[in-house]
Amino acid sequence: MKKTFFYHLLLFISNLIYALNYSIAKLIMPEHIKPSGFILLRVTGALVLYSISYFILVKERIDKSDLVRFFLCGIFGIAINQLLFFEGLSLTTPINASIVMTANPILVLVLSYFILKEKIKVRKAFGIGLGIIGSILLITQGSTLDFSSNYQFGNLLVFINAASYGVYLILVQPLMRKYHPLTVMLYVFSFGFPFVGIFGFEHLIQVNWVNLNFNHYMSIVFVVFGTTFIAYLCNSVALQKLQATTVSIYIYLQPLLASIFAIIIGSDTLDFIKITAAFLIFIGVYLVSSNKNNKKT
């Protein structure tokens, strides 16, 4: 575990950023920038940062035989993943979307079995189950679920988004163990950028930049630099040593970290359900991420 502590720390940082992102992104989206336009903005900004970092620090060539895999990673990890999540979120409720997203580690576990030929271990499956229970306890506390027909299409889009990100984690893992993370991210974002541009360009040019204040611009900086550039890079580096299922189960930390942040700032309180949920999530993450489950394949 000591050898992989750094990579688990990166996953923790990544999911802490994602947990904070929901509140920070709301400062500017969708009132000032529509979702697809905001996605284009974050992908463009991250692509610029990856390009600068790559040409200064790496300058690594890739094999032409890997171009198809890079292309697919751009489609599943950037275009479909980001566009469908925000579109689905606009057609369903936040709590519905959060519940649907808990399917991601399960999908990654199944896809790893069929694509990477990884065995489905009881220990790992049980850990994912505990993580799901803990996350749902936190997400549904004091809220009302509504899976009526009014939200079915939105729920479907969020589910496809979760499946798409699962496919991305599986496809990108061999690339992460072959190339520098900055190389992988540069090519993945480069292939995903045109598809995001098709849907987001019209909304982005409609933004009235003059009406944005300092907090709005700081929100953009956080989402572009933190949520996109840093978080994606942290996950990518972690995939060099850890399995895709381990990276995916850290998604269960997001509602927990969001709750802790809310308690710190005084907008929420600690109670028995939160303590129980935290215990289940931590045990689940431990079972999935322990060394027995994370030997390189």
C-alpha atoms as a PDB file:
ATOM      1  CA  MET A   1       0.000   0.000   0.000  1.00  0.00           C
ATOM      2  CA  LYS A   2       2.920   2.358   0.761  1.00  0.00           C
ATOM      3  CA  LYS A   3       4.182   2.024  -2.826  1.00  0.00           C
ATOM      4  CA  THR A   4       0.851   3.153  -4.228  1.00  0.00           C
ATOM      5  CA  PHE A   5       0.006   5.812  -1.616  1.00  0.00           C
ATOM      6  CA  PHE A   6       0.974   8.630  -3.986  1.00  0.00           C
ATOM      7  CA  TYR A   7      -1.457   7.393  -6.645  1.00  0.00           C
ATOM      8  CA  HIS A   8      -4.297   7.054  -4.137  1.00  0.00           C
ATOM      9  CA  LEU A   9      -3.535  10.582  -2.971  1.00  0.00           C
ATOM     10  CA  LEU A  10      -3.908  11.796  -6.547  1.00  0.00           C
ATOM     11  CA  LEU A  11      -7.306  10.109  -6.771  1.00  0.00           C
ATOM     12  CA  PHE A  12      -8.355  11.737  -3.517  1.00  0.00           C
ATOM     13  CA  ILE A  13      -7.293  15.174  -4.804  1.00  0.00           C
ATOM     14  CA  SER A  14      -9.096  14.570  -8.092  1.00  0.00           C
ATOM     15  CA  ASN A  15     -12.371  13.646  -6.430  1.00  0.00           C
ATOM     16  CA  LEU A  16     -12.065  16.488  -3.909  1.00  0.00           C
ATOM     17  CA  ILE A  17     -11.908  18.846  -6.889  1.00  0.00           C
ATOM     18  CA  TYR A  18     -14.947  17.156  -8.449  1.00  0.00           C
ATOM     19  CA  ALA A  19     -16.862  17.434  -5.174  1.00  0.00           C
ATOM     20  CA  LEU A  20     -16.184  21.182  -4.949  1.00  0.00           C
ATOM     21  CA  ASN A  21     -16.879  21.651  -8.652  1.00  0.00           C
ATOM     22  CA  TYR A  22     -20.649  21.217  -8.360  1.00  0.00           C
ATOM     23  CA  SER A  23     -20.993  24.285  -6.152  1.00  0.00           C
ATOM     24  CA  ILE A  24     -18.362  26.403  -7.879  1.00  0.00           C
ATOM     25  CA  ALA A  25     -19.604  25.738 -11.421  1.00  0.00           C
ATOM     26  CA  LYS A  26     -23.106  26.833 -10.379  1.00  0.00           C
ATOM     27  CA  LEU A  27     -21.784  30.386  -9.950  1.00  0.00           C
ATOM     28  CA  ILE A  28     -21.671  30.768 -13.707  1.00  0.00           C
ATOM     29  CA  MET A  29     -23.615  27.903 -15.297  1.00  0.00           C
ATOM     30  CA  PRO A  30     -26.221  27.896 -16.765  1.00  0.00           C
ATOM     31  CA  GLU A  31     -27.197  31.509 -16.037  1.00  0.00           C
ATOM     32  CA  HIS A  32     -24.154  33.094 -17.694  1.00  0.00           C
ATOM     33  CA  ILE A  33     -22.781  30.243 -19.828  1.00  0.00           C
ATOM     34  CA  LYS A  34     -24.909  27.383 -21.124  1.00  0.00           C
ATOM     35  CA  PRO A  35     -23.628  23.839 -20.377  1.00  0.00           C
ATOM     36  CA  SER A  36     -22.346  22.927 -23.850  1.00  0.00           C
ATOM     37  CA  GLY A  37     -20.614  26.297 -24.173  1.00  0.00           C
ATOM     38  CA  PHE A  38     -19.019  25.846 -20.753  1.00  0.00           C
ATOM     39  CA  ILE A  39     -17.802  22.381 -21.750  1.00  0.00           C
ATOM     40  CA  LEU A  40     -16.171  23.805 -24.872  1.00  0.00           C
ATOM     41  CA  LEU A  41     -14.547  26.503 -22.740  1.00  0.00           C
ATOM     42  CA  ARG A  42     -13.111  24.003 -20.249  1.00  0.00           C
ATOM     43  CA  VAL A  43     -11.930  21.579 -22.953  1.00  0.00           C
ATOM     44  CA  THR A  44     -10.309  24.420 -24.915  1.00  0.00           C
ATOM     45  CA  GLY A  45      -8.581  25.773 -21.826  1.00  0.00           C
ATOM     46  CA  ALA A  46      -7.362  22.354 -20.740  1.00  0.00           C
ATOM     47  CA  LEU A  47      -6.133  21.559 -24.266  1.00  0.00           C
ATOM     48  CA  VAL A  48      -4.064  24.757 -24.281  1.00  0.00           C
ATOM     49  CA  LEU A  49      -2.565  23.873 -20.880  1.00  0.00           C
ATOM     50  CA  TYR A  50      -1.811  20.291 -21.944  1.00  0.00           C
ATOM     51  CA  SER A  51      -0.233  21.526 -25.182  1.00  0.00           C
ATOM     52  CA  ILE A  52       2.070  23.967 -23.394  1.00  0.00           C
ATOM     53  CA  SER A  53       3.043  21.365 -20.783  1.00  0.00           C
ATOM     54  CA  TYR A  54       3.657  18.708 -23.434  1.00  0.00           C
ATOM     55  CA  PHE A  55       5.889  20.810 -25.679  1.00  0.00           C
ATOM     56  CA  ILE A  56       7.915  22.119 -22.728  1.00  0.00           C
ATOM     57  CA  LEU A  57       8.250  18.938 -20.664  1.00  0.00           C
ATOM     58  CA  VAL A  58       7.700  15.894 -22.867  1.00  0.00           C
ATOM     59  CA  LYS A  59       7.759  16.088 -26.706  1.00  0.00           C
ATOM     60  CA  GLU A  60       7.031  12.364 -26.939  1.00  0.00           C
ATOM     61  CA  ARG A  61       6.055  10.629 -30.165  1.00  0.00           C
ATOM     62  CA  ILE A  62       3.299   8.049 -30.318  1.00  0.00           C
ATOM     63  CA  ASP A  63       2.901   4.946 -32.440  1.00  0.00           C
ATOM     64  CA  LYS A  64       0.496   5.319 -35.339  1.00  0.00           C
ATOM     65  CA  SER A  65      -1.049   2.009 -34.312  1.00  0.00           C
ATOM     66  CA  ASP A  66      -2.384   3.710 -31.171  1.00  0.00           C
ATOM     67  CA  LEU A  67      -4.192   6.536 -32.966  1.00  0.00           C
ATOM     68  CA  VAL A  68      -7.504   4.665 -33.103  1.00  0.00           C
ATOM     69  CA  ARG A  69      -7.395   4.045 -29.345  1.00  0.00           C
ATOM     70  CA  PHE A  70      -6.569   7.728 -28.715  1.00  0.00           C
ATOM     71  CA  PHE A  71      -9.489   8.702 -30.950  1.00  0.00           C
ATOM     72  CA  LEU A  72     -11.884   6.419 -29.057  1.00  0.00           C
ATOM     73  CA  CYS A  73     -10.643   7.804 -25.726  1.00  0.00           C
ATOM     74  CA  GLY A  74     -11.382  11.311 -26.988  1.00  0.00           C
ATOM     75  CA  ILE A  75     -14.900  10.282 -28.017  1.00  0.00           C
ATOM     76  CA  PHE A  76     -15.798   8.345 -24.848  1.00  0.00           C
ATOM     77  CA  GLY A  77     -13.750  10.268 -22.280  1.00  0.00           C
ATOM     78  CA  ILE A  78     -14.314  13.835 -23.473  1.00  0.00           C
ATOM     79  CA  ALA A  79     -17.119  14.261 -26.014  1.00  0.00           C
ATOM     80  CA  ILE A  80     -19.793  11.768 -24.922  1.00  0.00           C
ATOM     81  CA  ASN A  81     -18.842  11.828 -21.251  1.00  0.00           C
ATOM     82  CA  GLN A  82     -19.030  15.581 -20.726  1.00  0.00           C
ATOM     83  CA  LEU A  83     -21.779  16.522 -23.192  1.00  0.00           C
ATOM     84  CA  LEU A  84     -24.256  13.846 -22.135  1.00  0.00           C
ATOM     85  CA  PHE A  85     -23.771  14.417 -18.414  1.00  0.00           C
ATOM     86  CA  PHE A  86     -24.732  18.080 -18.549  1.00  0.00           C
ATOM     87  CA  GLU A  87     -27.498  17.465 -21.075  1.00  0.00           C
ATOM     88  CA  GLY A  88     -28.867  14.631 -18.943  1.00  0.00           C
ATOM     89  CA  LEU A  89     -28.595  16.736 -15.792  1.00  0.00           C
ATOM     90  CA  SER A  90     -30.733  19.414 -17.425  1.00  0.00           C
ATOM     91  CA  LEU A  91     -33.465  16.823 -18.106  1.00  0.00           C
ATOM     92  CA  THR A  92     -33.505  15.113 -14.714  1.00  0.00           C
ATOM     93  CA  THR A  93     -32.963  16.003 -11.050  1.00  0.00           C
ATOM     94  CA  PRO A  94     -29.509  16.310  -9.420  1.00  0.00           C
ATOM     95  CA  ILE A  95     -30.335  13.501  -6.994  1.00  0.00           C
ATOM     96  CA  ASN A  96     -31.452  11.195  -9.826  1.00  0.00           C
ATOM     97  CA  ALA A  97     -28.225  11.931 -11.695  1.00  0.00           C
ATOM     98  CA  SER A  98     -26.143  11.246  -8.581  1.00  0.00           C
ATOM     99  CA  ILE A  99     -27.836   7.893  -8.034  1.00  0.00           C
ATOM    100  CA  VAL A 100     -27.399   6.870 -11.665  1.00  0.00           C
ATOM    101  CA  MET A 101     -23.703   7.817 -11.535  1.00  0.00           C
ATOM    102  CA  THR A 102     -23.099   5.274  -8.754  1.00  0.00           C
ATOM    103  CA  ALA A 103     -23.373   2.649 -11.504  1.00  0.00           C
ATOM    104  CA  ASN A 104     -19.990   3.752 -12.912  1.00  0.00           C
ATOM    105  CA  PRO A 105     -17.748   1.430 -10.821  1.00  0.00           C
ATOM    106  CA  ILE A 106     -20.055  -1.509 -11.557  1.00  0.00           C
ATOM    107  CA  LEU A 107     -19.846  -0.808 -15.277  1.00  0.00           C
ATOM    108  CA  VAL A 108     -16.052  -0.515 -15.066  1.00  0.00           C
ATOM    109  CA  LEU A 109     -15.876  -3.826 -13.193  1.00  0.00           C
ATOM    110  CA  VAL A 110     -17.957  -5.586 -15.882  1.00  0.00           C
ATOM    111  CA  LEU A 111     -16.113  -3.927 -18.780  1.00  0.00           C
ATOM    112  CA  SER A 112     -12.754  -4.855 -17.236  1.00  0.00           C
ATOM    113  CA  TYR A 113     -13.898  -8.474 -17.217  1.00  0.00           C
ATOM    114  CA  PHE A 114     -14.858  -8.485 -20.901  1.00  0.00           C
ATOM    115  CA  ILE A 115     -12.196  -6.153 -22.344  1.00  0.00           C
ATOM    116  CA  LEU A 116      -9.153  -6.553 -20.074  1.00  0.00           C
ATOM    117  CA  LYS A 117     -10.022 -10.103 -18.983  1.00  0.00           C
ATOM    118  CA  GLU A 118      -9.717  -9.157 -15.305  1.00  0.00           C
ATOM    119  CA  LYS A 119     -11.371 -11.580 -12.917  1.00  0.00           C
ATOM    120  CA  ILE A 120     -14.311 -10.271 -10.883  1.00  0.00           C
ATOM    121  CA  LYS A 121     -13.158 -10.885  -7.323  1.00  0.00           C
ATOM    122  CA  VAL A 122     -15.675 -11.205  -4.502  1.00  0.00           C
ATOM    123  CA  ARG A 123     -13.636  -8.777  -2.369  1.00  0.00           C
ATOM    124  CA  LYS A 124     -13.777  -6.110  -5.077  1.00  0.00           C
ATOM    125  CA  ALA A 125     -17.471  -6.611  -5.852  1.00  0.00           C
ATOM    126  CA  PHE A 126     -18.332  -6.430  -2.142  1.00  0.00           C
ATOM    127  CA  GLY A 127     -16.332  -3.217  -1.788  1.00  0.00           C
ATOM    128  CA  ILE A 128     -18.215  -1.617  -4.680  1.00  0.00           C
ATOM    129  CA  GLY A 129     -21.485  -2.711  -3.075  1.00  0.00           C
ATOM    130  CA  LEU A 130     -20.571  -1.014   0.214  1.00  0.00           C
ATOM    131  CA  GLY A 131     -19.568   2.113  -1.663  1.00  0.00           C
ATOM    132  CA  ILE A 132     -22.911   2.239  -3.448  1.00  0.00           C
ATOM    133  CA  ILE A 133     -24.863   1.867  -0.190  1.00  0.00           C
ATOM    134  CA  GLY A 134     -22.810   4.570   1.528  1.00  0.00           C
ATOM    135  CA  SER A 135     -23.136   6.985  -1.394  1.00  0.00           C
ATOM    136  CA  ILE A 136     -26.886   6.479  -1.719  1.00  0.00           C
ATOM    137  CA  LEU A 137     -27.303   7.090   2.030  1.00  0.00           C
ATOM    138  CA  LEU A 138     -25.589  10.458   1.660  1.00  0.00           C
ATOM    139  CA  ILE A 139     -27.239  11.444  -1.621  1.00  0.00           C
ATOM    140  CA  THR A 140     -30.797  10.607  -0.546  1.00  0.00           C
ATOM    141  CA  GLN A 141     -30.634  12.008   2.973  1.00  0.00           C
ATOM    142  CA  GLY A 142     -33.426  14.554   3.287  1.00  0.00           C
ATOM    143  CA  SER A 143     -34.161  14.354  -0.431  1.00  0.00           C
ATOM    144  CA  THR A 144     -36.862  12.836  -2.577  1.00  0.00           C
ATOM    145  CA  LEU A 145     -36.215  10.412  -5.403  1.00  0.00           C
ATOM    146  CA  ASP A 146     -38.292  10.751  -8.540  1.00  0.00           C
ATOM    147  CA  PHE A 147     -37.734   8.196 -11.285  1.00  0.00           C
ATOM    148  CA  SER A 148     -41.016   8.945 -13.042  1.00  0.00           C
ATOM    149  CA  SER A 149     -41.375   8.970 -16.824  1.00  0.00           C
ATOM    150  CA  ASN A 150     -40.727  12.735 -16.818  1.00  0.00           C
ATOM    151  CA  TYR A 151     -37.063  12.120 -16.097  1.00  0.00           C
ATOM    152  CA  GLN A 152     -36.450   8.840 -17.923  1.00  0.00           C
ATOM    153  CA  PHE A 153     -34.642  10.354 -20.916  1.00  0.00           C
ATOM    154  CA  GLY A 154     -32.433  12.498 -18.688  1.00  0.00           C
ATOM    155  CA  ASN A 155     -31.631   9.492 -16.502  1.00  0.00           C
ATOM    156  CA  LEU A 156     -30.773   7.512 -19.642  1.00  0.00           C
ATOM    157  CA  LEU A 157     -28.343  10.193 -20.833  1.00  0.00           C
ATOM    158  CA  VAL A 158     -26.614  10.265 -17.434  1.00  0.00           C
ATOM    159  CA  PHE A 159     -26.356   6.463 -17.493  1.00  0.00           C
ATOM    160  CA  ILE A 160     -24.821   6.548 -20.993  1.00  0.00           C
ATOM    161  CA  ASN A 161     -22.399   9.167 -19.677  1.00  0.00           C
ATOM    162  CA  ALA A 162     -21.417   6.854 -16.798  1.00  0.00           C
ATOM    163  CA  ALA A 163     -20.965   3.946 -19.229  1.00  0.00           C
ATOM    164  CA  SER A 164     -18.951   6.159 -21.579  1.00  0.00           C
ATOM    165  CA  TYR A 165     -16.550   7.189 -18.825  1.00  0.00           C
ATOM    166  CA  GLY A 166     -16.235   3.534 -17.839  1.00  0.00           C
ATOM    167  CA  VAL A 167     -15.254   2.621 -21.403  1.00  0.00           C
ATOM    168  CA  TYR A 168     -12.767   5.506 -21.393  1.00  0.00           C
ATOM    169  CA  LEU A 169     -11.051   4.267 -18.221  1.00  0.00           C
ATOM    170  CA  ILE A 170     -10.658   0.814 -19.755  1.00  0.00           C
ATOM    171  CA  LEU A 171      -9.392   2.094 -23.119  1.00  0.00           C
ATOM    172  CA  VAL A 172      -6.973   4.669 -21.734  1.00  0.00           C
ATOM    173  CA  GLN A 173      -5.314   2.389 -19.172  1.00  0.00           C
ATOM    174  CA  PRO A 174      -2.917   0.656 -21.656  1.00  0.00           C
ATOM    175  CA  LEU A 175      -1.971   4.068 -23.086  1.00  0.00           C
ATOM    176  CA  MET A 176      -1.171   5.405 -19.612  1.00  0.00           C
ATOM    177  CA  ARG A 177       1.242   2.536 -19.051  1.00  0.00           C
ATOM    178  CA  LYS A 178       2.961   3.161 -22.384  1.00  0.00           C
ATOM    179  CA  TYR A 179       3.192   6.957 -22.642  1.00  0.00           C
ATOM    180  CA  HIS A 180       3.681  10.003 -20.443  1.00  0.00           C
ATOM    181  CA  PRO A 181       0.382  11.228 -18.917  1.00  0.00           C
ATOM    182  CA  LEU A 182       0.745  14.622 -20.612  1.00  0.00           C
ATOM    183  CA  THR A 183       1.119  12.907 -23.981  1.00  0.00           C
ATOM    184  CA  VAL A 184      -2.033  10.876 -23.433  1.00  0.00           C
ATOM    185  CA  MET A 185      -4.068  13.854 -22.260  1.00  0.00           C
ATOM    186  CA  LEU A 186      -2.919  16.027 -25.164  1.00  0.00           C
ATOM    187  CA  TYR A 187      -4.052  13.493 -27.757  1.00  0.00           C
ATOM    188  CA  VAL A 188      -7.249  12.526 -25.929  1.00  0.00           C
ATOM    189  CA  PHE A 189      -8.373  16.150 -25.603  1.00  0.00           C
ATOM    190  CA  SER A 190      -7.278  16.913 -29.161  1.00  0.00           C
ATOM    191  CA  PHE A 191      -9.524  14.173 -30.551  1.00  0.00           C
ATOM    192  CA  GLY A 192     -12.426  15.125 -28.282  1.00  0.00           C
ATOM    193  CA  PHE A 193     -12.204  18.857 -28.952  1.00  0.00           C
ATOM    194  CA  PRO A 194     -13.810  18.963 -32.453  1.00  0.00           C
ATOM    195  CA  PHE A 195     -16.901  17.075 -31.298  1.00  0.00           C
ATOM    196  CA  VAL A 196     -17.339  19.313 -28.261  1.00  0.00           C
ATOM    197  CA  GLY A 197     -16.846  22.341 -30.523  1.00  0.00           C
ATOM    198  CA  ILE A 198     -19.710  21.289 -32.800  1.00  0.00           C
ATOM    199  CA  PHE A 199     -22.205  21.424 -29.921  1.00  0.00           C
ATOM    200  CA  GLY A 200     -20.701  24.193 -27.805  1.00  0.00           C
ATOM    201  CA  PHE A 201     -19.497  26.875 -30.220  1.00  0.00           C
ATOM    202  CA  GLU A 202     -22.852  28.619 -30.676  1.00  0.00           C
ATOM    203  CA  HIS A 203     -23.467  28.817 -26.929  1.00  0.00           C
ATOM    204  CA  LEU A 204     -19.934  30.005 -26.164  1.00  0.00           C
ATOM    205  CA  ILE A 205     -20.058  32.959 -28.568  1.00  0.00           C
ATOM    206  CA  GLN A 206     -23.313  34.068 -26.914  1.00  0.00           C
ATOM    207  CA  VAL A 207     -21.582  34.727 -23.580  1.00  0.00           C
ATOM    208  CA  ASN A 208     -21.617  38.367 -22.494  1.00  0.00           C
ATOM    209  CA  TRP A 209     -18.138  38.546 -20.971  1.00  0.00           C
ATOM    210  CA  VAL A 210     -18.546  42.177 -19.905  1.00  0.00           C
ATOM    211  CA  ASN A 211     -21.312  41.262 -17.460  1.00  0.00           C
ATOM    212  CA  LEU A 212     -19.189  38.673 -15.637  1.00  0.00           C
ATOM    213  CA  ASN A 213     -17.675  39.665 -12.295  1.00  0.00           C
ATOM    214  CA  PHE A 214     -14.503  38.537 -10.505  1.00  0.00           C
ATOM    215  CA  ASN A 215     -16.182  35.514  -8.879  1.00  0.00           C
ATOM    216  CA  HIS A 216     -17.454  34.339 -12.257  1.00  0.00           C
ATOM    217  CA  TYR A 217     -13.971  34.461 -13.741  1.00  0.00           C
ATOM    218  CA  MET A 218     -12.520  32.663 -10.724  1.00  0.00           C
ATOM    219  CA  SER A 219     -15.154  29.972 -11.212  1.00  0.00           C
ATOM    220  CA  ILE A 220     -14.027  29.553 -14.824  1.00  0.00           C
ATOM    221  CA  VAL A 221     -10.383  29.332 -13.742  1.00  0.00           C
ATOM    222  CA  PHE A 222     -11.218  26.653 -11.169  1.00  0.00           C
ATOM    223  CA  VAL A 223     -13.224  24.555 -13.624  1.00  0.00           C
ATOM    224  CA  VAL A 224     -10.673  24.824 -16.445  1.00  0.00           C
ATOM    225  CA  PHE A 225      -7.484  24.482 -14.407  1.00  0.00           C
ATOM    226  CA  GLY A 226      -8.743  22.371 -11.498  1.00  0.00           C
ATOM    227  CA  THR A 227     -11.701  20.268 -12.637  1.00  0.00           C
ATOM    228  CA  THR A 228     -10.402  19.646 -16.152  1.00  0.00           C
ATOM    229  CA  PHE A 229      -6.608  20.021 -16.323  1.00  0.00           C
ATOM    230  CA  ILE A 230      -5.558  18.871 -12.828  1.00  0.00           C
ATOM    231  CA  ALA A 231      -8.315  16.313 -12.119  1.00  0.00           C
ATOM    232  CA  TYR A 232      -7.966  14.531 -15.464  1.00  0.00           C
ATOM    233  CA  LEU A 233      -4.187  14.514 -15.071  1.00  0.00           C
ATOM    234  CA  CYS A 234      -4.397  13.078 -11.535  1.00  0.00           C
ATOM    235  CA  ASN A 235      -6.644  10.251 -12.716  1.00  0.00           C
ATOM    236  CA  SER A 236      -4.349   9.590 -15.657  1.00  0.00           C
ATOM    237  CA  VAL A 237      -1.215   9.319 -13.511  1.00  0.00           C
ATOM    238  CA  ALA A 238      -3.057   7.015 -11.092  1.00  0.00           C
ATOM    239  CA  LEU A 239      -3.975   4.701 -13.980  1.00  0.00           C
ATOM    240  CA  GLN A 240      -0.262   4.060 -14.514  1.00  0.00           C
ATOM    241  CA  LYS A 241      -0.192   1.919 -11.380  1.00  0.00           C
ATOM    242  CA  LEU A 242      -3.783   1.250 -10.333  1.00  0.00           C
ATOM    243  CA  GLN A 243      -6.593  -0.624 -12.015  1.00  0.00           C
ATOM    244  CA  ALA A 244      -9.496   1.166 -13.674  1.00  0.00           C
ATOM    245  CA  THR A 245     -11.900  -0.234 -11.061  1.00  0.00           C
ATOM    246  CA  THR A 246      -9.895   1.452  -8.297  1.00  0.00           C
ATOM    247  CA  VAL A 247      -9.959   4.789 -10.099  1.00  0.00           C
ATOM    248  CA  SER A 248     -13.713   4.490 -10.645  1.00  0.00           C
ATOM    249  CA  ILE A 249     -14.664   3.616  -7.056  1.00  0.00           C
ATOM    250  CA  TYR A 250     -13.247   6.907  -5.814  1.00  0.00           C
ATOM    251  CA  ILE A 251     -16.375   8.498  -7.294  1.00  0.00           C
ATOM    252  CA  TYR A 252     -18.114   7.395  -4.080  1.00  0.00           C
ATOM    253  CA  LEU A 253     -15.943   9.845  -2.138  1.00  0.00           C
ATOM    254  CA  GLN A 254     -17.474  12.822  -3.945  1.00  0.00           C
ATOM    255  CA  PRO A 255     -20.783  13.031  -2.015  1.00  0.00           C
ATOM    256  CA  LEU A 256     -18.858  12.361   1.213  1.00  0.00           C
ATOM    257  CA  LEU A 257     -16.334  15.128   0.552  1.00  0.00           C
ATOM    258  CA  ALA A 258     -19.150  17.482  -0.469  1.00  0.00           C
ATOM    259  CA  SER A 259     -20.901  16.723   2.851  1.00  0.00           C
ATOM    260  CA  ILE A 260     -17.695  17.335   4.833  1.00  0.00           C
ATOM    261  CA  PHE A 261     -17.229  20.670   3.043  1.00  0.00           C
ATOM    262  CA  ALA A 262     -20.840  21.618   3.845  1.00  0.00           C
ATOM    263  CA  ILE A 263     -20.299  20.744   7.522  1.00  0.00           C
ATOM    264  CA  ILE A 264     -17.093  22.817   7.665  1.00  0.00           C
ATOM    265  CA  ILE A 265     -18.774  25.932   6.276  1.00  0.00           C
ATOM    266  CA  GLY A 266     -21.785  25.405   8.545  1.00  0.00           C
ATOM    267  CA  SER A 267     -24.439  24.637   5.940  1.00  0.00           C
ATOM    268  CA  ASP A 268     -24.901  21.046   7.155  1.00  0.00           C
ATOM    269  CA  THR A 269     -24.489  19.045  10.367  1.00  0.00           C
ATOM    270  CA  LEU A 270     -22.886  15.749  11.288  1.00  0.00           C
ATOM    271  CA  ASP A 271     -25.275  12.924  12.175  1.00  0.00           C
ATOM    272  CA  PHE A 272     -25.440   9.131  12.495  1.00  0.00           C
ATOM    273  CA  ILE A 273     -26.361   8.564   8.846  1.00  0.00           C
ATOM    274  CA  LYS A 274     -23.365  10.562   7.601  1.00  0.00           C
ATOM    275  CA  ILE A 275     -21.026   8.705   9.948  1.00  0.00           C
ATOM    276  CA  THR A 276     -22.421   5.339   8.805  1.00  0.00           C
ATOM    277  CA  ALA A 277     -22.204   6.350   5.140  1.00  0.00           C
ATOM    278  CA  ALA A 278     -18.604   7.519   5.585  1.00  0.00           C
ATOM    279  CA  PHE A 279     -17.660   4.226   7.236  1.00  0.00           C
ATOM    280  CA  LEU A 280     -19.215   2.176   4.410  1.00  0.00           C
ATOM    281  CA  ILE A 281     -17.545   4.282   1.708  1.00  0.00           C
ATOM    282  CA  PHE A 282     -14.091   4.112   3.285  1.00  0.00           C
ATOM    283  CA  ILE A 283     -14.348   0.334   3.782  1.00  0.00           C
ATOM    284  CA  GLY A 284     -15.571  -0.072   0.201  1.00  0.00           C
ATOM    285  CA  VAL A 285     -12.725   2.004  -1.223  1.00  0.00           C
ATOM    286  CA  TYR A 286     -10.211   0.071   0.880  1.00  0.00           C
ATOM    287  CA  LEU A 287     -11.490  -3.321  -0.293  1.00  0.00           C
ATOM    288  CA  VAL A 288     -11.322  -2.322  -3.948  1.00  0.00           C
ATOM    289  CA  SER A 289      -8.037  -0.443  -3.769  1.00  0.00           C
ATOM    290  CA  SER A 290      -6.026  -2.821  -1.591  1.00  0.00           C
ATOM    291  CA  ASN A 291      -2.854  -4.305  -3.065  1.00  0.00           C
ATOM    292  CA  LYS A 292      -4.523  -7.658  -3.600  1.00  0.00           C
ATOM    293  CA  ASN A 293      -6.740  -6.031  -6.195  1.00  0.00           C
ATOM    294  CA  ASN A 294      -4.267  -3.650  -7.775  1.00  0.00           C
ATOM    295  CA  LYS A 295      -1.413  -5.616  -9.210  1.00  0.00           C
ATOM    296  CA  LYS A 296      -0.520  -4.408 -12.667  1.00  0.00           C
ATOM    297  CA  THR A 297      -2.099  -6.433 -15.447  1.00  0.00           C
END
